Amino acid sequence: MSKSNPFQDKKGNIQFPLEPTLDRVFILPSPPPEKFHGSSILIPDMFQEYYKRGIGILLAVGPGYYDVKGKWHPTSPQLKVGAKVCYDVSVPWEEILTGLDGKQHAVVLCGNADVYGVFEEC
């Protein structure tokens, strides 16, 4: 788990103020890169957001959902708070929330189907 996570307390626990419903998750995105793929070529500040990596830390995970036939679809057990994941950067929903550091941070709200994979489990 990242030590630079503004929603992580001194004991290492994530303290996130919202609890998602259904199959939704909140993700703290990794910052956009400042340089092109390990080179010394800088990406101008105004274009850094365009080169988002789609990698982040899961802050909160919803339990799952019932489909129209009443069948329960639980959220994958791999999607746990604190896991490092790869997600769809085209998801347009973001929330601005105040972290434990007192600063405001943009977090992504998406469905668990928008999470492509887990890099590191917690």
PDB file of N, CA and C in Angstrom:
ATOM      1  N   MET A   1       0.828  -1.171   0.000  1.00  0.00           N
ATOM      2  CA  MET A   1       0.000   0.000   0.000  1.00  0.00           C
ATOM      3  C   MET A   1       0.879   1.243   0.000  1.00  0.00           C
ATOM      4  N   SER A   2       0.500   2.232  -0.760  1.00  0.00           N
ATOM      5  CA  SER A   2       1.287   3.446  -0.895  1.00  0.00           C
ATOM      6  C   SER A   2       1.278   4.273   0.382  1.00  0.00           C
ATOM      7  N   LYS A   3       2.471   4.717   0.805  1.00  0.00           N
ATOM      8  CA  LYS A   3       2.553   5.560   1.984  1.00  0.00           C
ATOM      9  C   LYS A   3       2.139   6.984   1.674  1.00  0.00           C
ATOM     10  N   SER A   4       2.041   7.353   0.401  1.00  0.00           N
ATOM     11  CA  SER A   4       1.627   8.697   0.026  1.00  0.00           C
ATOM     12  C   SER A   4       0.112   8.788  -0.148  1.00  0.00           C
ATOM     13  N   ASN A   5      -0.622   7.774   0.256  1.00  0.00           N
ATOM     14  CA  ASN A   5      -2.067   7.753   0.160  1.00  0.00           C
ATOM     15  C   ASN A   5      -2.642   8.731   1.184  1.00  0.00           C
ATOM     16  N   PRO A   6      -3.309   9.794   0.734  1.00  0.00           N
ATOM     17  CA  PRO A   6      -3.823  10.791   1.673  1.00  0.00           C
ATOM     18  C   PRO A   6      -5.005  10.308   2.510  1.00  0.00           C
ATOM     19  N   PHE A   7      -5.506   9.114   2.247  1.00  0.00           N
ATOM     20  CA  PHE A   7      -6.606   8.555   3.030  1.00  0.00           C
ATOM     21  C   PHE A   7      -6.119   7.445   3.966  1.00  0.00           C
ATOM     22  N   GLN A   8      -4.812   7.335   4.129  1.00  0.00           N
ATOM     23  CA  GLN A   8      -4.213   6.295   4.964  1.00  0.00           C
ATOM     24  C   GLN A   8      -3.761   6.929   6.272  1.00  0.00           C
ATOM     25  N   ASP A   9      -4.163   6.318   7.406  1.00  0.00           N
ATOM     26  CA  ASP A   9      -3.768   6.862   8.702  1.00  0.00           C
ATOM     27  C   ASP A   9      -2.368   6.398   9.086  1.00  0.00           C
ATOM     28  N   LYS A  10      -1.899   6.816  10.241  1.00  0.00           N
ATOM     29  CA  LYS A  10      -0.537   6.502  10.684  1.00  0.00           C
ATOM     30  C   LYS A  10      -0.321   5.007  10.916  1.00  0.00           C
ATOM     31  N   LYS A  11      -1.406   4.276  11.169  1.00  0.00           N
ATOM     32  CA  LYS A  11      -1.298   2.827  11.377  1.00  0.00           C
ATOM     33  C   LYS A  11      -1.329   2.052  10.060  1.00  0.00           C
ATOM     34  N   GLY A  12      -1.540   2.756   8.945  1.00  0.00           N
ATOM     35  CA  GLY A  12      -1.572   2.102   7.643  1.00  0.00           C
ATOM     36  C   GLY A  12      -2.950   1.720   7.167  1.00  0.00           C
ATOM     37  N   ASN A  13      -3.993   2.056   7.932  1.00  0.00           N
ATOM     38  CA  ASN A  13      -5.365   1.730   7.549  1.00  0.00           C
ATOM     39  C   ASN A  13      -5.946   2.840   6.677  1.00  0.00           C
ATOM     40  N   ILE A  14      -6.713   2.456   5.678  1.00  0.00           N
ATOM     41  CA  ILE A  14      -7.362   3.446   4.824  1.00  0.00           C
ATOM     42  C   ILE A  14      -8.643   3.910   5.509  1.00  0.00           C
ATOM     43  N   GLN A  15      -8.754   5.210   5.680  1.00  0.00           N
ATOM     44  CA  GLN A  15      -9.930   5.843   6.279  1.00  0.00           C
ATOM     45  C   GLN A  15     -10.616   6.653   5.189  1.00  0.00           C
ATOM     46  N   PHE A  16     -11.602   6.057   4.533  1.00  0.00           N
ATOM     47  CA  PHE A  16     -12.285   6.717   3.427  1.00  0.00           C
ATOM     48  C   PHE A  16     -13.698   7.071   3.860  1.00  0.00           C
ATOM     49  N   PRO A  17     -14.160   8.299   3.604  1.00  0.00           N
ATOM     50  CA  PRO A  17     -15.437   8.746   4.148  1.00  0.00           C
ATOM     51  C   PRO A  17     -16.699   8.217   3.458  1.00  0.00           C
ATOM     52  N   LEU A  18     -16.581   7.613   2.291  1.00  0.00           N
ATOM     53  CA  LEU A  18     -17.762   7.135   1.565  1.00  0.00           C
ATOM     54  C   LEU A  18     -17.743   5.621   1.426  1.00  0.00           C
ATOM     55  N   GLU A  19     -18.942   5.028   1.426  1.00  0.00           N
ATOM     56  CA  GLU A  19     -19.071   3.588   1.205  1.00  0.00           C
ATOM     57  C   GLU A  19     -19.887   3.379  -0.066  1.00  0.00           C
ATOM     58  N   PRO A  20     -19.282   2.802  -1.112  1.00  0.00           N
ATOM     59  CA  PRO A  20     -20.018   2.641  -2.363  1.00  0.00           C
ATOM     60  C   PRO A  20     -21.112   1.585  -2.261  1.00  0.00           C
ATOM     61  N   THR A  21     -22.123   1.753  -3.092  1.00  0.00           N
ATOM     62  CA  THR A  21     -23.204   0.788  -3.174  1.00  0.00           C
ATOM     63  C   THR A  21     -22.986  -0.108  -4.388  1.00  0.00           C
ATOM     64  N   LEU A  22     -23.769  -1.151  -4.455  1.00  0.00           N
ATOM     65  CA  LEU A  22     -23.755  -2.083  -5.587  1.00  0.00           C
ATOM     66  C   LEU A  22     -22.341  -2.565  -5.909  1.00  0.00           C
ATOM     67  N   ASP A  23     -21.958  -2.506  -7.190  1.00  0.00           N
ATOM     68  CA  ASP A  23     -20.644  -3.011  -7.605  1.00  0.00           C
ATOM     69  C   ASP A  23     -19.677  -1.870  -7.887  1.00  0.00           C
ATOM     70  N   ARG A  24     -19.871  -0.752  -7.224  1.00  0.00           N
ATOM     71  CA  ARG A  24     -19.014   0.413  -7.476  1.00  0.00           C
ATOM     72  C   ARG A  24     -17.783   0.403  -6.583  1.00  0.00           C
ATOM     73  N   VAL A  25     -16.742   1.081  -7.059  1.00  0.00           N
ATOM     74  CA  VAL A  25     -15.500   1.202  -6.290  1.00  0.00           C
ATOM     75  C   VAL A  25     -14.994   2.641  -6.389  1.00  0.00           C
ATOM     76  N   PHE A  26     -14.268   3.066  -5.367  1.00  0.00           N
ATOM     77  CA  PHE A  26     -13.565   4.344  -5.386  1.00  0.00           C
ATOM     78  C   PHE A  26     -12.079   4.048  -5.500  1.00  0.00           C
ATOM     79  N   ILE A  27     -11.402   4.780  -6.384  1.00  0.00           N
ATOM     80  CA  ILE A  27      -9.980   4.566  -6.640  1.00  0.00           C
ATOM     81  C   ILE A  27      -9.239   5.888  -6.517  1.00  0.00           C
ATOM     82  N   LEU A  28      -8.104   5.864  -5.826  1.00  0.00           N
ATOM     83  CA  LEU A  28      -7.203   7.019  -5.797  1.00  0.00           C
ATOM     84  C   LEU A  28      -6.231   6.825  -6.949  1.00  0.00           C
ATOM     85  N   PRO A  29      -6.345   7.655  -8.014  1.00  0.00           N
ATOM     86  CA  PRO A  29      -5.468   7.468  -9.171  1.00  0.00           C
ATOM     87  C   PRO A  29      -4.015   7.818  -8.854  1.00  0.00           C
ATOM     88  N   SER A  30      -3.105   7.120  -9.516  1.00  0.00           N
ATOM     89  CA  SER A  30      -1.699   7.496  -9.409  1.00  0.00           C
ATOM     90  C   SER A  30      -1.524   8.815 -10.150  1.00  0.00           C
ATOM     91  N   PRO A  31      -0.567   9.625  -9.740  1.00  0.00           N
ATOM     92  CA  PRO A  31      -0.383  10.898 -10.444  1.00  0.00           C
ATOM     93  C   PRO A  31       0.047  10.669 -11.893  1.00  0.00           C
ATOM     94  N   PRO A  32      -0.341  11.586 -12.783  1.00  0.00           N
ATOM     95  CA  PRO A  32       0.080  11.445 -14.181  1.00  0.00           C
ATOM     96  C   PRO A  32       1.601  11.535 -14.286  1.00  0.00           C
ATOM     97  N   PRO A  33       2.192  10.906 -15.293  1.00  0.00           N
ATOM     98  CA  PRO A  33       3.651  10.950 -15.433  1.00  0.00           C
ATOM     99  C   PRO A  33       4.139  12.353 -15.776  1.00  0.00           C
ATOM    100  N   GLU A  34       5.344  12.671 -15.337  1.00  0.00           N
ATOM    101  CA  GLU A  34       5.962  13.959 -15.651  1.00  0.00           C
ATOM    102  C   GLU A  34       6.886  13.849 -16.862  1.00  0.00           C
ATOM    103  N   LYS A  35       7.320  12.609 -17.173  1.00  0.00           N
ATOM    104  CA  LYS A  35       8.223  12.378 -18.307  1.00  0.00           C
ATOM    105  C   LYS A  35       7.680  11.235 -19.154  1.00  0.00           C
ATOM    106  N   PHE A  36       8.109  11.178 -20.419  1.00  0.00           N
ATOM    107  CA  PHE A  36       7.715  10.087 -21.299  1.00  0.00           C
ATOM    108  C   PHE A  36       8.477   8.813 -20.929  1.00  0.00           C
ATOM    109  N   HIS A  37       7.787   7.777 -20.575  1.00  0.00           N
ATOM    110  CA  HIS A  37       8.292   6.415 -20.354  1.00  0.00           C
ATOM    111  C   HIS A  37       9.763   6.319 -19.959  1.00  0.00           C
ATOM    112  N   GLY A  38      10.140   6.917 -18.857  1.00  0.00           N
ATOM    113  CA  GLY A  38      11.500   6.794 -18.351  1.00  0.00           C
ATOM    114  C   GLY A  38      12.541   7.615 -19.079  1.00  0.00           C
ATOM    115  N   SER A  39      12.128   8.412 -20.037  1.00  0.00           N
ATOM    116  CA  SER A  39      13.107   9.237 -20.766  1.00  0.00           C
ATOM    117  C   SER A  39      13.322  10.554 -20.023  1.00  0.00           C
ATOM    118  N   SER A  40      14.152  11.392 -20.573  1.00  0.00           N
ATOM    119  CA  SER A  40      14.387  12.693 -19.957  1.00  0.00           C
ATOM    120  C   SER A  40      13.501  13.773 -20.575  1.00  0.00           C
ATOM    121  N   ILE A  41      12.583  13.382 -21.453  1.00  0.00           N
ATOM    122  CA  ILE A  41      11.693  14.329 -22.110  1.00  0.00           C
ATOM    123  C   ILE A  41      10.517  14.623 -21.177  1.00  0.00           C
ATOM    124  N   LEU A  42      10.382  15.866 -20.782  1.00  0.00           N
ATOM    125  CA  LEU A  42       9.309  16.273 -19.879  1.00  0.00           C
ATOM    126  C   LEU A  42       7.991  16.443 -20.624  1.00  0.00           C
ATOM    127  N   ILE A  43       6.905  16.066 -19.968  1.00  0.00           N
ATOM    128  CA  ILE A  43       5.565  16.314 -20.482  1.00  0.00           C
ATOM    129  C   ILE A  43       5.108  17.634 -19.854  1.00  0.00           C
ATOM    130  N   PRO A  44       4.724  18.621 -20.653  1.00  0.00           N
ATOM    131  CA  PRO A  44       4.260  19.887 -20.083  1.00  0.00           C
ATOM    132  C   PRO A  44       3.081  19.669 -19.124  1.00  0.00           C
ATOM    133  N   ASP A  45       3.014  20.469 -18.061  1.00  0.00           N
ATOM    134  CA  ASP A  45       1.968  20.326 -17.043  1.00  0.00           C
ATOM    135  C   ASP A  45       0.570  20.254 -17.648  1.00  0.00           C
ATOM    136  N   MET A  46       0.299  21.092 -18.645  1.00  0.00           N
ATOM    137  CA  MET A  46      -1.047  21.132 -19.209  1.00  0.00           C
ATOM    138  C   MET A  46      -1.422  19.861 -19.975  1.00  0.00           C
ATOM    139  N   PHE A  47      -0.443  19.003 -20.312  1.00  0.00           N
ATOM    140  CA  PHE A  47      -0.727  17.768 -21.035  1.00  0.00           C
ATOM    141  C   PHE A  47      -0.563  16.508 -20.177  1.00  0.00           C
ATOM    142  N   GLN A  48      -0.068  16.641 -18.953  1.00  0.00           N
ATOM    143  CA  GLN A  48       0.176  15.462 -18.117  1.00  0.00           C
ATOM    144  C   GLN A  48      -1.095  14.650 -17.876  1.00  0.00           C
ATOM    145  N   GLU A  49      -2.213  15.318 -17.663  1.00  0.00           N
ATOM    146  CA  GLU A  49      -3.466  14.614 -17.401  1.00  0.00           C
ATOM    147  C   GLU A  49      -3.856  13.709 -18.577  1.00  0.00           C
ATOM    148  N   TYR A  50      -3.488  14.084 -19.802  1.00  0.00           N
ATOM    149  CA  TYR A  50      -3.785  13.290 -20.986  1.00  0.00           C
ATOM    150  C   TYR A  50      -3.079  11.928 -20.943  1.00  0.00           C
ATOM    151  N   TYR A  51      -1.945  11.853 -20.271  1.00  0.00           N
ATOM    152  CA  TYR A  51      -1.149  10.627 -20.230  1.00  0.00           C
ATOM    153  C   TYR A  51      -1.368   9.832 -18.944  1.00  0.00           C
ATOM    154  N   LYS A  52      -2.569   9.878 -18.401  1.00  0.00           N
ATOM    155  CA  LYS A  52      -2.882   9.110 -17.184  1.00  0.00           C
ATOM    156  C   LYS A  52      -2.526   7.647 -17.394  1.00  0.00           C
ATOM    157  N   ARG A  53      -2.103   7.006 -16.339  1.00  0.00           N
ATOM    158  CA  ARG A  53      -1.691   5.599 -16.421  1.00  0.00           C
ATOM    159  C   ARG A  53      -2.846   4.626 -16.202  1.00  0.00           C
ATOM    160  N   GLY A  54      -3.875   5.050 -15.484  1.00  0.00           N
ATOM    161  CA  GLY A  54      -4.966   4.126 -15.171  1.00  0.00           C
ATOM    162  C   GLY A  54      -4.585   3.150 -14.081  1.00  0.00           C
ATOM    163  N   ILE A  55      -3.699   3.578 -13.201  1.00  0.00           N
ATOM    164  CA  ILE A  55      -3.278   2.754 -12.060  1.00  0.00           C
ATOM    165  C   ILE A  55      -3.663   3.511 -10.799  1.00  0.00           C
ATOM    166  N   GLY A  56      -4.151   2.790  -9.806  1.00  0.00           N
ATOM    167  CA  GLY A  56      -4.537   3.451  -8.570  1.00  0.00           C
ATOM    168  C   GLY A  56      -4.723   2.473  -7.426  1.00  0.00           C
ATOM    169  N   ILE A  57      -5.094   3.026  -6.279  1.00  0.00           N
ATOM    170  CA  ILE A  57      -5.315   2.253  -5.058  1.00  0.00           C
ATOM    171  C   ILE A  57      -6.810   2.225  -4.758  1.00  0.00           C
ATOM    172  N   LEU A  58      -7.354   1.040  -4.478  1.00  0.00           N
ATOM    173  CA  LEU A  58      -8.764   0.932  -4.113  1.00  0.00           C
ATOM    174  C   LEU A  58      -8.975   1.520  -2.722  1.00  0.00           C
ATOM    175  N   LEU A  59      -9.887   2.471  -2.632  1.00  0.00           N
ATOM    176  CA  LEU A  59     -10.186   3.118  -1.358  1.00  0.00           C
ATOM    177  C   LEU A  59     -11.433   2.548  -0.698  1.00  0.00           C
ATOM    178  N   ALA A  60     -12.388   2.113  -1.506  1.00  0.00           N
ATOM    179  CA  ALA A  60     -13.634   1.537  -0.996  1.00  0.00           C
ATOM    180  C   ALA A  60     -14.241   0.662  -2.083  1.00  0.00           C
ATOM    181  N   VAL A  61     -14.912  -0.413  -1.661  1.00  0.00           N
ATOM    182  CA  VAL A  61     -15.459  -1.403  -2.594  1.00  0.00           C
ATOM    183  C   VAL A  61     -16.885  -1.752  -2.187  1.00  0.00           C
ATOM    184  N   GLY A  62     -17.809  -1.675  -3.152  1.00  0.00           N
ATOM    185  CA  GLY A  62     -19.193  -2.062  -2.886  1.00  0.00           C
ATOM    186  C   GLY A  62     -19.335  -3.572  -2.810  1.00  0.00           C
ATOM    187  N   PRO A  63     -20.419  -4.067  -2.196  1.00  0.00           N
ATOM    188  CA  PRO A  63     -20.586  -5.506  -1.967  1.00  0.00           C
ATOM    189  C   PRO A  63     -20.960  -6.318  -3.199  1.00  0.00           C
ATOM    190  N   GLY A  64     -21.670  -5.721  -4.159  1.00  0.00           N
ATOM    191  CA  GLY A  64     -22.155  -6.451  -5.330  1.00  0.00           C
ATOM    192  C   GLY A  64     -23.555  -5.975  -5.663  1.00  0.00           C
ATOM    193  N   TYR A  65     -24.268  -6.732  -6.511  1.00  0.00           N
ATOM    194  CA  TYR A  65     -25.604  -6.303  -6.921  1.00  0.00           C
ATOM    195  C   TYR A  65     -26.475  -7.502  -7.286  1.00  0.00           C
ATOM    196  N   TYR A  66     -27.789  -7.263  -7.298  1.00  0.00           N
ATOM    197  CA  TYR A  66     -28.764  -8.231  -7.797  1.00  0.00           C
ATOM    198  C   TYR A  66     -29.124  -7.849  -9.228  1.00  0.00           C
ATOM    199  N   ASP A  67     -29.129  -8.826 -10.134  1.00  0.00           N
ATOM    200  CA  ASP A  67     -29.538  -8.520 -11.505  1.00  0.00           C
ATOM    201  C   ASP A  67     -31.069  -8.512 -11.592  1.00  0.00           C
ATOM    202  N   VAL A  68     -31.611  -8.286 -12.783  1.00  0.00           N
ATOM    203  CA  VAL A  68     -33.063  -8.172 -12.948  1.00  0.00           C
ATOM    204  C   VAL A  68     -33.802  -9.472 -12.633  1.00  0.00           C
ATOM    205  N   LYS A  69     -33.091 -10.606 -12.671  1.00  0.00           N
ATOM    206  CA  LYS A  69     -33.704 -11.887 -12.333  1.00  0.00           C
ATOM    207  C   LYS A  69     -33.568 -12.223 -10.850  1.00  0.00           C
ATOM    208  N   GLY A  70     -32.949 -11.337 -10.098  1.00  0.00           N
ATOM    209  CA  GLY A  70     -32.811 -11.547  -8.659  1.00  0.00           C
ATOM    210  C   GLY A  70     -31.585 -12.346  -8.257  1.00  0.00           C
ATOM    211  N   LYS A  71     -30.669 -12.585  -9.198  1.00  0.00           N
ATOM    212  CA  LYS A  71     -29.452 -13.336  -8.886  1.00  0.00           C
ATOM    213  C   LYS A  71     -28.396 -12.380  -8.321  1.00  0.00           C
ATOM    214  N   TRP A  72     -27.765 -12.791  -7.243  1.00  0.00           N
ATOM    215  CA  TRP A  72     -26.739 -11.981  -6.582  1.00  0.00           C
ATOM    216  C   TRP A  72     -25.398 -12.135  -7.293  1.00  0.00           C
ATOM    217  N   HIS A  73     -24.731 -11.014  -7.576  1.00  0.00           N
ATOM    218  CA  HIS A  73     -23.409 -10.979  -8.191  1.00  0.00           C
ATOM    219  C   HIS A  73     -22.466 -10.261  -7.230  1.00  0.00           C
ATOM    220  N   PRO A  74     -21.738 -11.028  -6.420  1.00  0.00           N
ATOM    221  CA  PRO A  74     -20.842 -10.375  -5.457  1.00  0.00           C
ATOM    222  C   PRO A  74     -19.627  -9.770  -6.154  1.00  0.00           C
ATOM    223  N   THR A  75     -19.056  -8.775  -5.524  1.00  0.00           N
ATOM    224  CA  THR A  75     -17.818  -8.181  -6.016  1.00  0.00           C
ATOM    225  C   THR A  75     -16.699  -9.202  -5.857  1.00  0.00           C
ATOM    226  N   SER A  76     -15.780  -9.230  -6.804  1.00  0.00           N
ATOM    227  CA  SER A  76     -14.664 -10.174  -6.758  1.00  0.00           C
ATOM    228  C   SER A  76     -13.895 -10.037  -5.441  1.00  0.00           C
ATOM    229  N   PRO A  77     -13.527 -11.145  -4.823  1.00  0.00           N
ATOM    230  CA  PRO A  77     -12.750 -11.066  -3.583  1.00  0.00           C
ATOM    231  C   PRO A  77     -11.357 -10.469  -3.781  1.00  0.00           C
ATOM    232  N   GLN A  78     -10.879 -10.397  -5.026  1.00  0.00           N
ATOM    233  CA  GLN A  78      -9.580  -9.770  -5.293  1.00  0.00           C
ATOM    234  C   GLN A  78      -9.641  -8.257  -5.130  1.00  0.00           C
ATOM    235  N   LEU A  79     -10.841  -7.675  -5.255  1.00  0.00           N
ATOM    236  CA  LEU A  79     -10.992  -6.228  -5.130  1.00  0.00           C
ATOM    237  C   LEU A  79     -11.185  -5.876  -3.658  1.00  0.00           C
ATOM    238  N   LYS A  80     -10.061  -5.675  -2.995  1.00  0.00           N
ATOM    239  CA  LYS A  80     -10.054  -5.343  -1.567  1.00  0.00           C
ATOM    240  C   LYS A  80      -9.487  -3.942  -1.387  1.00  0.00           C
ATOM    241  N   VAL A  81      -9.950  -3.273  -0.366  1.00  0.00           N
ATOM    242  CA  VAL A  81      -9.430  -1.949  -0.042  1.00  0.00           C
ATOM    243  C   VAL A  81      -7.916  -2.040   0.130  1.00  0.00           C
ATOM    244  N   GLY A  82      -7.195  -1.155  -0.545  1.00  0.00           N
ATOM    245  CA  GLY A  82      -5.740  -1.129  -0.479  1.00  0.00           C
ATOM    246  C   GLY A  82      -5.045  -1.808  -1.637  1.00  0.00           C
ATOM    247  N   ALA A  83      -5.793  -2.559  -2.457  1.00  0.00           N
ATOM    248  CA  ALA A  83      -5.185  -3.231  -3.609  1.00  0.00           C
ATOM    249  C   ALA A  83      -4.796  -2.208  -4.673  1.00  0.00           C
ATOM    250  N   LYS A  84      -3.686  -2.463  -5.349  1.00  0.00           N
ATOM    251  CA  LYS A  84      -3.245  -1.612  -6.453  1.00  0.00           C
ATOM    252  C   LYS A  84      -3.830  -2.206  -7.725  1.00  0.00           C
ATOM    253  N   VAL A  85      -4.580  -1.387  -8.483  1.00  0.00           N
ATOM    254  CA  VAL A  85      -5.322  -1.890  -9.634  1.00  0.00           C
ATOM    255  C   VAL A  85      -5.055  -1.071 -10.890  1.00  0.00           C
ATOM    256  N   CYS A  86      -5.416  -1.663 -12.026  1.00  0.00           N
ATOM    257  CA  CYS A  86      -5.416  -0.984 -13.317  1.00  0.00           C
ATOM    258  C   CYS A  86      -6.888  -0.799 -13.690  1.00  0.00           C
ATOM    259  N   TYR A  87      -7.267   0.428 -14.056  1.00  0.00           N
ATOM    260  CA  TYR A  87      -8.671   0.714 -14.345  1.00  0.00           C
ATOM    261  C   TYR A  87      -8.800   1.503 -15.650  1.00  0.00           C
ATOM    262  N   ASP A  88     -10.016   1.597 -16.141  1.00  0.00           N
ATOM    263  CA  ASP A  88     -10.326   2.303 -17.379  1.00  0.00           C
ATOM    264  C   ASP A  88     -10.240   3.812 -17.137  1.00  0.00           C
ATOM    265  N   VAL A  89      -9.264   4.478 -17.755  1.00  0.00           N
ATOM    266  CA  VAL A  89      -9.079   5.917 -17.536  1.00  0.00           C
ATOM    267  C   VAL A  89     -10.158   6.756 -18.207  1.00  0.00           C
ATOM    268  N   SER A  90     -10.974   6.170 -19.074  1.00  0.00           N
ATOM    269  CA  SER A  90     -12.023   6.941 -19.731  1.00  0.00           C
ATOM    270  C   SER A  90     -13.266   7.114 -18.865  1.00  0.00           C
ATOM    271  N   VAL A  91     -13.300   6.481 -17.696  1.00  0.00           N
ATOM    272  CA  VAL A  91     -14.439   6.643 -16.793  1.00  0.00           C
ATOM    273  C   VAL A  91     -14.514   8.109 -16.366  1.00  0.00           C
ATOM    274  N   PRO A  92     -15.651   8.762 -16.588  1.00  0.00           N
ATOM    275  CA  PRO A  92     -15.711  10.214 -16.360  1.00  0.00           C
ATOM    276  C   PRO A  92     -16.062  10.665 -14.945  1.00  0.00           C
ATOM    277  N   TRP A  93     -16.367   9.752 -14.037  1.00  0.00           N
ATOM    278  CA  TRP A  93     -16.860  10.165 -12.736  1.00  0.00           C
ATOM    279  C   TRP A  93     -15.737  10.315 -11.725  1.00  0.00           C
ATOM    280  N   GLU A  94     -15.652  11.505 -11.168  1.00  0.00           N
ATOM    281  CA  GLU A  94     -14.681  11.783 -10.115  1.00  0.00           C
ATOM    282  C   GLU A  94     -15.376  12.542  -8.993  1.00  0.00           C
ATOM    283  N   GLU A  95     -14.901  12.333  -7.801  1.00  0.00           N
ATOM    284  CA  GLU A  95     -15.359  13.063  -6.626  1.00  0.00           C
ATOM    285  C   GLU A  95     -14.149  13.774  -6.047  1.00  0.00           C
ATOM    286  N   ILE A  96     -14.356  14.964  -5.541  1.00  0.00           N
ATOM    287  CA  ILE A  96     -13.299  15.692  -4.853  1.00  0.00           C
ATOM    288  C   ILE A  96     -13.572  15.561  -3.359  1.00  0.00           C
ATOM    289  N   LEU A  97     -12.644  14.935  -2.651  1.00  0.00           N
ATOM    290  CA  LEU A  97     -12.813  14.691  -1.218  1.00  0.00           C
ATOM    291  C   LEU A  97     -11.585  15.146  -0.452  1.00  0.00           C
ATOM    292  N   THR A  98     -11.801  15.493   0.807  1.00  0.00           N
ATOM    293  CA  THR A  98     -10.708  15.922   1.664  1.00  0.00           C
ATOM    294  C   THR A  98     -10.072  14.701   2.318  1.00  0.00           C
ATOM    295  N   GLY A  99      -8.761  14.569   2.146  1.00  0.00           N
ATOM    296  CA  GLY A  99      -8.027  13.454   2.738  1.00  0.00           C
ATOM    297  C   GLY A  99      -7.650  13.738   4.178  1.00  0.00           C
ATOM    298  N   LEU A 100      -7.007  12.783   4.797  1.00  0.00           N
ATOM    299  CA  LEU A 100      -6.558  12.941   6.180  1.00  0.00           C
ATOM    300  C   LEU A 100      -5.487  14.018   6.300  1.00  0.00           C
ATOM    301  N   ASP A 101      -4.883  14.388   5.176  1.00  0.00           N
ATOM    302  CA  ASP A 101      -3.864  15.443   5.163  1.00  0.00           C
ATOM    303  C   ASP A 101      -4.481  16.839   5.098  1.00  0.00           C
ATOM    304  N   GLY A 102      -5.833  16.910   5.044  1.00  0.00           N
ATOM    305  CA  GLY A 102      -6.522  18.187   5.003  1.00  0.00           C
ATOM    306  C   GLY A 102      -6.619  18.800   3.611  1.00  0.00           C
ATOM    307  N   LYS A 103      -6.046  18.149   2.607  1.00  0.00           N
ATOM    308  CA  LYS A 103      -6.083  18.659   1.235  1.00  0.00           C
ATOM    309  C   LYS A 103      -7.173  17.941   0.443  1.00  0.00           C
ATOM    310  N   GLN A 104      -7.588  18.562  -0.651  1.00  0.00           N
ATOM    311  CA  GLN A 104      -8.600  17.949  -1.503  1.00  0.00           C
ATOM    312  C   GLN A 104      -7.941  17.100  -2.583  1.00  0.00           C
ATOM    313  N   HIS A 105      -8.559  15.940  -2.841  1.00  0.00           N
ATOM    314  CA  HIS A 105      -8.022  14.984  -3.810  1.00  0.00           C
ATOM    315  C   HIS A 105      -9.156  14.468  -4.686  1.00  0.00           C
ATOM    316  N   ALA A 106      -8.860  14.282  -5.976  1.00  0.00           N
ATOM    317  CA  ALA A 106      -9.832  13.705  -6.906  1.00  0.00           C
ATOM    318  C   ALA A 106      -9.729  12.188  -6.830  1.00  0.00           C
ATOM    319  N   VAL A 107     -10.859  11.543  -6.602  1.00  0.00           N
ATOM    320  CA  VAL A 107     -10.910  10.083  -6.605  1.00  0.00           C
ATOM    321  C   VAL A 107     -11.894   9.647  -7.681  1.00  0.00           C
ATOM    322  N   VAL A 108     -11.622   8.515  -8.294  1.00  0.00           N
ATOM    323  CA  VAL A 108     -12.447   7.984  -9.382  1.00  0.00           C
ATOM    324  C   VAL A 108     -13.521   7.083  -8.806  1.00  0.00           C
ATOM    325  N   LEU A 109     -14.743   7.241  -9.309  1.00  0.00           N
ATOM    326  CA  LEU A 109     -15.852   6.353  -8.976  1.00  0.00           C
ATOM    327  C   LEU A 109     -16.186   5.572 -10.234  1.00  0.00           C
ATOM    328  N   CYS A 110     -16.144   4.244 -10.162  1.00  0.00           N
ATOM    329  CA  CYS A 110     -16.478   3.425 -11.328  1.00  0.00           C
ATOM    330  C   CYS A 110     -17.059   2.094 -10.871  1.00  0.00           C
ATOM    331  N   GLY A 111     -17.534   1.316 -11.822  1.00  0.00           N
ATOM    332  CA  GLY A 111     -18.016  -0.026 -11.524  1.00  0.00           C
ATOM    333  C   GLY A 111     -16.842  -0.996 -11.479  1.00  0.00           C
ATOM    334  N   ASN A 112     -17.032  -2.126 -10.804  1.00  0.00           N
ATOM    335  CA  ASN A 112     -15.906  -3.065 -10.715  1.00  0.00           C
ATOM    336  C   ASN A 112     -15.545  -3.659 -12.071  1.00  0.00           C
ATOM    337  N   ALA A 113     -16.449  -3.581 -13.056  1.00  0.00           N
ATOM    338  CA  ALA A 113     -16.120  -4.050 -14.406  1.00  0.00           C
ATOM    339  C   ALA A 113     -15.133  -3.112 -15.095  1.00  0.00           C
ATOM    340  N   ASP A 114     -14.977  -1.892 -14.567  1.00  0.00           N
ATOM    341  CA  ASP A 114     -14.013  -0.940 -15.122  1.00  0.00           C
ATOM    342  C   ASP A 114     -12.607  -1.164 -14.564  1.00  0.00           C
ATOM    343  N   VAL A 115     -12.484  -2.089 -13.625  1.00  0.00           N
ATOM    344  CA  VAL A 115     -11.172  -2.457 -13.087  1.00  0.00           C
ATOM    345  C   VAL A 115     -10.680  -3.643 -13.899  1.00  0.00           C
ATOM    346  N   TYR A 116      -9.560  -3.448 -14.603  1.00  0.00           N
ATOM    347  CA  TYR A 116      -9.053  -4.481 -15.501  1.00  0.00           C
ATOM    348  C   TYR A 116      -8.234  -5.554 -14.798  1.00  0.00           C
ATOM    349  N   GLY A 117      -7.591  -5.197 -13.716  1.00  0.00           N
ATOM    350  CA  GLY A 117      -6.747  -6.183 -13.051  1.00  0.00           C
ATOM    351  C   GLY A 117      -6.163  -5.653 -11.762  1.00  0.00           C
ATOM    352  N   VAL A 118      -5.637  -6.577 -10.968  1.00  0.00           N
ATOM    353  CA  VAL A 118      -5.034  -6.243  -9.688  1.00  0.00           C
ATOM    354  C   VAL A 118      -3.528  -6.462  -9.804  1.00  0.00           C
ATOM    355  N   PHE A 119      -2.748  -5.410  -9.518  1.00  0.00           N
ATOM    356  CA  PHE A 119      -1.275  -5.510  -9.541  1.00  0.00           C
ATOM    357  C   PHE A 119      -0.749  -6.084  -8.247  1.00  0.00           C
ATOM    358  N   GLU A 120      -1.221  -5.521  -7.150  1.00  0.00           N
ATOM    359  CA  GLU A 120      -0.751  -5.942  -5.827  1.00  0.00           C
ATOM    360  C   GLU A 120      -1.957  -6.100  -4.927  1.00  0.00           C
ATOM    361  N   GLU A 121      -2.025  -7.264  -4.290  1.00  0.00           N
ATOM    362  CA  GLU A 121      -3.079  -7.459  -3.301  1.00  0.00           C
ATOM    363  C   GLU A 121      -2.574  -6.959  -1.972  1.00  0.00           C
ATOM    364  N   CYS A 122      -3.497  -6.609  -1.106  1.00  0.00           N
ATOM    365  CA  CYS A 122      -3.101  -6.112   0.215  1.00  0.00           C
ATOM    366  C   CYS A 122      -3.189  -7.219   1.237  1.00  0.00           C
TER     367      CYS A 122
END
